Amino acid sequence: MKRRRLGSHGPEVSALGLGCMGMSEFYGARNEQESLATIHRALDLGVNFLDTADMYGPFVNEELIGRAIKGRRHEVILGTKFGTVRDCYSRIVRGVNGRPEYLRAACHGSLRRLGVQTIDIYYQHRVDPEVPIEETVGAMAELVREGKVRWLGLSEAGPITLRRAHGVHPITALQSEYSLWTRDPEDEVLALCRELGIGFVAYSPLGRGFLTGRFRRFEDLSPDDYRRNSPRFQGDNFSKNLDIVQNVREMADLKGCTPAQLALSWVLARGKEIVTIPGTKRREYLEENLGALEVELTTQEVDAIEAVFPVGAAAGARYPEAMMRLVRG
């Protein structure tokens, strides 16, 4: 298994980790047995980086991970997140919370659900605009000193916030959406991560599955799939994005790999500090994704991919407006 170090002083993790969110909600029906089998298969194949959050479910995804890694804790670098507040009954997102007293309680809850004594990477899921980042990270640093957390991370934080946070306590990893159709980190964030020695964790590297080429019609999404509310999956945007993905499919055919493998190998080719966490709840897709590690792209091939899928090519915002307001930290 190919591995990369997260940041200058962080852990060594598999270049492809496993995003576990979809095992519990958002992407259609749950299948706990297949999800557990997928996690176990990932560990068997050398994947050691698992990603979850307390808001996935909410809470039940951490419980699932806890069951999956029981007896195998030593094989895992475990990342989880706090700060996105959801109603347990309606599942509506109520906002973000970066207050010290909240994050301390959230950490204790995550430790209990995961069945572990220490969280490897603890991320603030979204930046709370009402709480100075110095105050939040200062409280997170206390968890490190107490041995409850090993390394700190932020998710979807902007460059100014990231630099301020890093000044309080070393930030080991920044997690943000990054893929062929979401190139925002290239503006400033990736360069800052390199400057400060912060690892970059790319979530949704397959564009929430769109870049795999498996979706041909909006109706291919199950009625309870949250992607039906995503602007990029709706109306004319769906058709426009499908045309671009067809170009990626054709390039993958020429390369002798799948569109998913081409998209993942492109992300990994963007920098040695980048690790990806494609999400899946099925063993077959896990194994397909891991095949991307055997796909080596030349500089000319990277340029050709970006020529057919340039910056800004994706039609539609990556989240509905209410969610977009939470990713401008």
Protein backbone atom coordinates (compact mmCIF):
# COMPACT_ATOMS: atom_id res chain seq x y z
CA MET A 1 0.00 0.00 0.00
CA LYS A 2 1.40 3.38 -0.98
CA ARG A 3 1.55 5.78 1.93
CA ARG A 4 2.07 9.47 2.45
CA ARG A 5 2.85 11.53 5.52
CA LEU A 6 0.26 14.05 6.65
CA GLY A 7 2.13 17.27 7.12
CA SER A 8 5.66 17.70 8.37
CA HIS A 9 5.14 15.84 11.64
CA GLY A 10 1.88 13.94 11.19
CA PRO A 11 1.14 10.24 10.78
CA GLU A 12 1.93 8.15 7.74
CA VAL A 13 -1.34 7.10 6.14
CA SER A 14 -2.46 5.20 3.07
CA ALA A 15 -2.54 7.49 0.04
CA LEU A 16 -6.16 6.45 -0.39
CA GLY A 17 -8.15 6.39 2.81
CA LEU A 18 -11.81 5.50 3.26
CA GLY A 19 -14.56 8.06 3.75
CA CYS A 20 -17.31 6.38 5.77
CA MET A 21 -20.08 9.01 5.73
CA GLY A 22 -22.24 7.31 3.09
CA MET A 23 -22.40 4.11 5.11
CA SER A 24 -24.86 5.75 7.49
CA GLU A 25 -26.87 8.27 5.45
CA PHE A 26 -27.02 10.74 2.57
CA TYR A 27 -26.45 8.23 -0.25
CA GLY A 28 -29.47 5.96 -0.08
CA ALA A 29 -30.24 2.88 1.98
CA ARG A 30 -27.87 1.58 4.63
CA ASN A 31 -26.45 -1.93 4.69
CA GLU A 32 -24.51 -2.36 7.91
CA GLN A 33 -23.13 -5.79 7.12
CA GLU A 34 -21.73 -4.68 3.77
CA SER A 35 -20.35 -1.53 5.35
CA LEU A 36 -18.57 -3.51 8.04
CA ALA A 37 -17.25 -5.90 5.40
CA THR A 38 -16.02 -2.92 3.36
CA ILE A 39 -14.10 -1.48 6.30
CA HIS A 40 -12.58 -4.87 7.12
CA ARG A 41 -11.62 -5.38 3.47
CA ALA A 42 -10.00 -1.95 3.42
CA LEU A 43 -7.90 -2.79 6.46
CA ASP A 44 -6.96 -6.15 4.95
CA LEU A 45 -5.72 -4.36 1.81
CA GLY A 46 -3.58 -1.94 3.80
CA VAL A 47 -5.89 1.09 4.00
CA ASN A 48 -5.22 2.55 7.43
CA PHE A 49 -6.96 5.95 7.25
CA LEU A 50 -10.67 6.05 8.16
CA ASP A 51 -12.72 9.24 8.15
CA THR A 52 -15.97 9.93 9.98
CA ALA A 53 -17.73 12.71 11.93
CA ASP A 54 -20.17 12.96 14.80
CA MET A 55 -22.78 14.56 12.53
CA TYR A 56 -22.93 11.57 10.16
CA GLY A 57 -26.14 9.81 11.11
CA PRO A 58 -25.98 11.80 13.34
CA PHE A 59 -23.71 9.80 15.66
CA VAL A 60 -24.38 6.34 14.23
CA ASN A 61 -21.46 6.44 11.79
CA GLU A 62 -18.99 6.73 14.65
CA GLU A 63 -20.71 3.79 16.35
CA LEU A 64 -20.38 1.77 13.14
CA ILE A 65 -16.67 2.57 12.90
CA GLY A 66 -16.23 1.63 16.54
CA ARG A 67 -17.70 -1.81 15.89
CA ALA A 68 -15.63 -2.26 12.74
CA ILE A 69 -12.26 -1.51 14.34
CA LYS A 70 -12.81 -3.40 17.57
CA GLY A 71 -9.76 -5.60 17.98
CA ARG A 72 -7.99 -3.80 15.11
CA ARG A 73 -7.44 -0.36 16.59
CA HIS A 74 -3.69 -0.63 16.08
CA GLU A 75 -4.21 -0.82 12.31
CA VAL A 76 -6.08 2.47 12.03
CA ILE A 77 -5.37 6.19 11.85
CA LEU A 78 -8.78 7.47 12.83
CA GLY A 79 -10.12 10.89 11.93
CA THR A 80 -13.38 12.35 13.18
CA LYS A 81 -14.90 15.82 13.34
CA PHE A 82 -16.97 18.06 15.58
CA GLY A 83 -18.75 21.36 15.14
CA THR A 84 -21.63 20.80 12.73
CA VAL A 85 -24.73 20.73 14.91
CA ARG A 86 -27.72 18.69 13.78
CA ASP A 87 -31.09 17.95 15.30
CA CYS A 88 -31.10 14.26 16.25
CA TYR A 89 -34.75 13.84 15.25
CA SER A 90 -35.27 16.01 12.18
CA ARG A 91 -31.57 15.71 11.15
CA ILE A 92 -31.65 19.35 10.13
CA VAL A 93 -28.32 21.18 10.35
CA ARG A 94 -28.75 23.83 13.02
CA GLY A 95 -25.42 25.56 12.54
CA VAL A 96 -21.82 25.30 13.73
CA ASN A 97 -20.36 25.44 17.21
CA GLY A 98 -16.72 26.08 18.00
CA ARG A 99 -17.08 26.97 21.68
CA PRO A 100 -14.55 25.25 23.96
CA GLU A 101 -17.15 23.72 26.25
CA TYR A 102 -19.01 22.29 23.26
CA LEU A 103 -15.98 20.74 21.60
CA ARG A 104 -14.86 19.14 24.86
CA ALA A 105 -18.25 17.46 25.28
CA ALA A 106 -18.25 16.49 21.59
CA CYS A 107 -14.83 14.87 21.92
CA HIS A 108 -15.90 12.80 24.91
CA GLY A 109 -18.97 11.66 22.96
CA SER A 110 -16.88 10.65 19.97
CA LEU A 111 -14.42 8.72 22.14
CA ARG A 112 -17.29 6.80 23.70
CA ARG A 113 -19.01 5.98 20.40
CA LEU A 114 -15.77 4.98 18.68
CA GLY A 115 -14.75 2.86 21.64
CA VAL A 116 -11.23 4.33 21.73
CA GLN A 117 -9.13 6.19 24.27
CA THR A 118 -7.56 8.58 21.76
CA ILE A 119 -8.68 10.13 18.47
CA ASP A 120 -5.82 10.31 16.01
CA ILE A 121 -6.92 13.39 14.01
CA TYR A 122 -9.63 15.63 15.45
CA TYR A 123 -11.02 18.16 12.99
CA GLN A 124 -13.20 21.19 13.43
CA HIS A 125 -15.79 20.31 10.79
CA ARG A 126 -16.73 23.88 9.92
CA VAL A 127 -15.36 27.16 11.22
CA ASP A 128 -17.64 28.94 13.67
CA PRO A 129 -17.76 32.63 12.64
CA GLU A 130 -18.92 33.58 16.12
CA VAL A 131 -15.91 32.13 17.94
CA PRO A 132 -12.32 33.27 17.29
CA ILE A 133 -10.38 30.40 15.75
CA GLU A 134 -7.65 30.96 18.35
CA GLU A 135 -10.15 30.15 21.10
CA THR A 136 -11.37 26.97 19.41
CA VAL A 137 -7.91 25.66 18.51
CA GLY A 138 -6.62 26.56 21.96
CA ALA A 139 -9.27 24.30 23.47
CA MET A 140 -8.47 21.57 20.93
CA ALA A 141 -4.82 21.81 21.94
CA GLU A 142 -5.82 21.10 25.53
CA LEU A 143 -7.26 17.78 24.34
CA VAL A 144 -3.88 16.95 22.82
CA ARG A 145 -2.12 17.71 26.10
CA GLU A 146 -4.61 15.48 27.91
CA GLY A 147 -3.95 12.58 25.53
CA LYS A 148 -7.49 12.49 24.14
CA VAL A 149 -6.35 13.62 20.69
CA ARG A 150 -3.05 13.12 18.84
CA TRP A 151 -3.20 15.63 15.98
CA LEU A 152 -5.43 18.56 15.05
CA GLY A 153 -7.19 19.30 11.80
CA LEU A 154 -9.57 21.79 10.23
CA SER A 155 -12.13 21.21 7.51
CA GLU A 156 -13.04 23.79 4.85
CA ALA A 157 -11.03 26.56 6.50
CA GLY A 158 -9.80 29.47 4.41
CA PRO A 159 -6.15 30.55 4.24
CA ILE A 160 -6.38 33.38 6.76
CA THR A 161 -8.13 31.17 9.30
CA LEU A 162 -5.71 28.32 8.66
CA ARG A 163 -2.67 30.51 9.28
CA ARG A 164 -4.15 31.94 12.50
CA ALA A 165 -5.05 28.45 13.74
CA HIS A 166 -1.58 27.10 12.98
CA GLY A 167 -0.11 29.93 15.03
CA VAL A 168 -1.90 28.60 18.13
CA HIS A 169 -1.07 24.91 17.71
CA PRO A 170 0.32 22.98 14.73
CA ILE A 171 -2.44 21.94 12.35
CA THR A 172 -1.59 18.53 10.93
CA ALA A 173 -4.26 18.28 8.24
CA LEU A 174 -6.69 20.45 6.35
CA GLN A 175 -9.63 18.59 4.88
CA SER A 176 -11.45 20.18 1.94
CA GLU A 177 -13.35 19.12 -1.11
CA TYR A 178 -10.99 18.68 -4.06
CA SER A 179 -11.55 16.97 -7.37
CA LEU A 180 -11.59 17.62 -11.09
CA TRP A 181 -14.84 19.53 -10.65
CA THR A 182 -13.92 21.34 -7.41
CA ARG A 183 -10.60 23.11 -7.81
CA ASP A 184 -11.05 25.86 -5.20
CA PRO A 185 -8.05 24.81 -3.02
CA GLU A 186 -5.72 25.63 -5.90
CA ASP A 187 -6.35 29.36 -5.41
CA GLU A 188 -4.40 29.72 -2.14
CA VAL A 189 -4.96 26.83 0.23
CA LEU A 190 -2.69 24.19 -1.29
CA ALA A 191 0.22 26.62 -1.47
CA LEU A 192 -0.29 27.59 2.17
CA CYS A 193 -0.40 23.94 3.24
CA ARG A 194 2.95 23.41 1.54
CA GLU A 195 4.39 26.53 3.19
CA LEU A 196 3.25 25.57 6.69
CA GLY A 197 3.86 21.83 6.38
CA ILE A 198 0.19 20.88 6.66
CA GLY A 199 -1.18 17.75 5.03
CA PHE A 200 -4.14 18.10 2.68
CA VAL A 201 -6.99 15.58 2.83
CA ALA A 202 -9.18 15.66 -0.28
CA TYR A 203 -12.76 14.62 0.37
CA SER A 204 -15.27 13.89 -2.40
CA PRO A 205 -12.42 13.32 -4.90
CA LEU A 206 -14.98 11.61 -7.16
CA GLY A 207 -17.41 14.51 -7.16
CA ARG A 208 -19.89 12.64 -4.93
CA GLY A 209 -19.80 9.79 -7.40
CA PHE A 210 -20.53 11.85 -10.50
CA LEU A 211 -17.01 11.49 -11.87
CA THR A 212 -17.32 7.70 -11.86
CA GLY A 213 -19.67 7.93 -14.83
CA ARG A 214 -22.24 5.70 -13.12
CA PHE A 215 -25.01 8.28 -13.18
CA ARG A 216 -26.64 8.77 -16.56
CA ARG A 217 -29.95 10.29 -15.43
CA PHE A 218 -31.15 12.27 -12.43
CA GLU A 219 -33.55 9.39 -11.79
CA ASP A 220 -30.57 7.10 -11.13
CA LEU A 221 -30.42 8.70 -7.68
CA SER A 222 -32.67 7.06 -5.11
CA PRO A 223 -35.51 9.24 -3.76
CA ASP A 224 -33.77 9.68 -0.39
CA ASP A 225 -30.36 10.51 -1.87
CA TYR A 226 -29.29 13.98 -0.73
CA ARG A 227 -27.51 14.57 -4.03
CA ARG A 228 -30.95 15.29 -5.49
CA ASN A 229 -30.63 18.62 -3.64
CA SER A 230 -27.16 19.35 -5.02
CA PRO A 231 -27.10 22.03 -7.73
CA ARG A 232 -24.61 20.05 -9.81
CA PHE A 233 -27.00 17.12 -10.03
CA GLN A 234 -30.03 19.16 -11.05
CA GLY A 235 -31.60 20.22 -14.35
CA ASP A 236 -29.34 21.58 -17.07
CA ASN A 237 -26.35 21.34 -14.73
CA PHE A 238 -26.66 17.57 -14.71
CA SER A 239 -26.61 17.42 -18.52
CA LYS A 240 -23.68 19.82 -18.84
CA ASN A 241 -21.63 17.97 -16.26
CA LEU A 242 -22.47 14.66 -17.88
CA ASP A 243 -21.00 15.86 -21.16
CA ILE A 244 -17.70 16.72 -19.45
CA VAL A 245 -17.59 13.41 -17.61
CA GLN A 246 -18.01 11.64 -20.92
CA ASN A 247 -14.71 13.18 -21.98
CA VAL A 248 -13.10 11.80 -18.82
CA ARG A 249 -14.58 8.38 -19.58
CA GLU A 250 -13.03 8.42 -23.05
CA MET A 251 -9.63 9.36 -21.64
CA ALA A 252 -9.90 6.58 -19.05
CA ASP A 253 -10.65 4.08 -21.80
CA LEU A 254 -7.48 5.14 -23.60
CA LYS A 255 -5.51 4.79 -20.37
CA GLY A 256 -6.97 1.37 -19.66
CA CYS A 257 -8.56 2.32 -16.35
CA THR A 258 -11.97 3.36 -15.06
CA PRO A 259 -13.12 7.00 -14.87
CA ALA A 260 -12.98 6.76 -11.06
CA GLN A 261 -9.37 5.59 -11.16
CA LEU A 262 -8.43 8.37 -13.56
CA ALA A 263 -10.06 11.02 -11.36
CA LEU A 264 -8.37 9.71 -8.22
CA SER A 265 -4.95 9.41 -9.82
CA TRP A 266 -5.30 13.02 -11.03
CA VAL A 267 -5.88 14.23 -7.45
CA LEU A 268 -2.90 12.26 -6.14
CA ALA A 269 -0.73 13.65 -8.93
CA ARG A 270 -1.39 17.21 -7.75
CA GLY A 271 1.02 16.99 -4.82
CA LYS A 272 2.85 14.68 -2.44
CA GLU A 273 1.13 16.32 0.52
CA ILE A 274 -2.31 15.24 -0.76
CA VAL A 275 -4.20 12.21 0.54
CA THR A 276 -7.65 11.26 -0.72
CA ILE A 277 -10.58 9.71 1.14
CA PRO A 278 -13.06 8.50 -1.48
CA GLY A 279 -16.20 7.28 0.19
CA THR A 280 -17.94 4.01 -0.51
CA LYS A 281 -20.04 1.45 1.31
CA ARG A 282 -19.33 -1.43 -1.10
CA ARG A 283 -16.30 -3.67 -1.37
CA GLU A 284 -16.39 -3.71 -5.17
CA TYR A 285 -16.04 0.08 -5.39
CA LEU A 286 -13.38 0.10 -2.67
CA GLU A 287 -11.26 -2.28 -4.70
CA GLU A 288 -11.87 -0.30 -7.88
CA ASN A 289 -10.78 2.90 -6.15
CA LEU A 290 -7.60 1.31 -4.84
CA GLY A 291 -6.72 0.43 -8.42
CA ALA A 292 -6.02 4.14 -8.91
CA LEU A 293 -2.77 3.66 -7.01
CA GLU A 294 -1.45 1.67 -9.98
CA VAL A 295 -2.36 4.38 -12.50
CA GLU A 296 0.63 6.59 -13.24
CA LEU A 297 -0.15 9.79 -15.13
CA THR A 298 2.46 11.58 -17.19
CA THR A 299 2.67 15.36 -17.18
CA GLN A 300 1.17 15.33 -20.67
CA GLU A 301 -1.76 13.19 -19.51
CA VAL A 302 -2.43 15.50 -16.55
CA ASP A 303 -2.46 18.45 -18.93
CA ALA A 304 -4.82 16.62 -21.29
CA ILE A 305 -7.24 15.81 -18.48
CA GLU A 306 -7.28 19.43 -17.33
CA ALA A 307 -7.83 20.59 -20.89
CA VAL A 308 -11.15 18.72 -21.07
CA PHE A 309 -12.04 19.50 -17.44
CA PRO A 310 -10.56 22.96 -16.76
CA VAL A 311 -11.00 25.06 -13.64
CA GLY A 312 -14.61 26.21 -13.37
CA ALA A 313 -15.94 23.68 -15.87
CA ALA A 314 -18.46 22.12 -13.50
CA ALA A 315 -21.94 23.61 -13.79
CA GLY A 316 -23.60 24.61 -10.53
CA ALA A 317 -22.44 25.26 -6.98
CA ARG A 318 -21.05 22.33 -5.03
CA TYR A 319 -23.61 22.78 -2.22
CA PRO A 320 -27.01 24.49 -1.90
CA GLU A 321 -26.61 28.12 -0.79
CA ALA A 322 -27.32 27.42 2.90
CA MET A 323 -24.52 24.86 2.98
CA MET A 324 -22.17 27.06 0.95
CA ARG A 325 -22.32 29.66 3.71
CA LEU A 326 -20.68 27.10 6.01
CA VAL A 327 -17.68 26.50 3.75
CA ARG A 328 -16.41 30.05 3.57
CA GLY A 329 -14.32 29.98 6.75
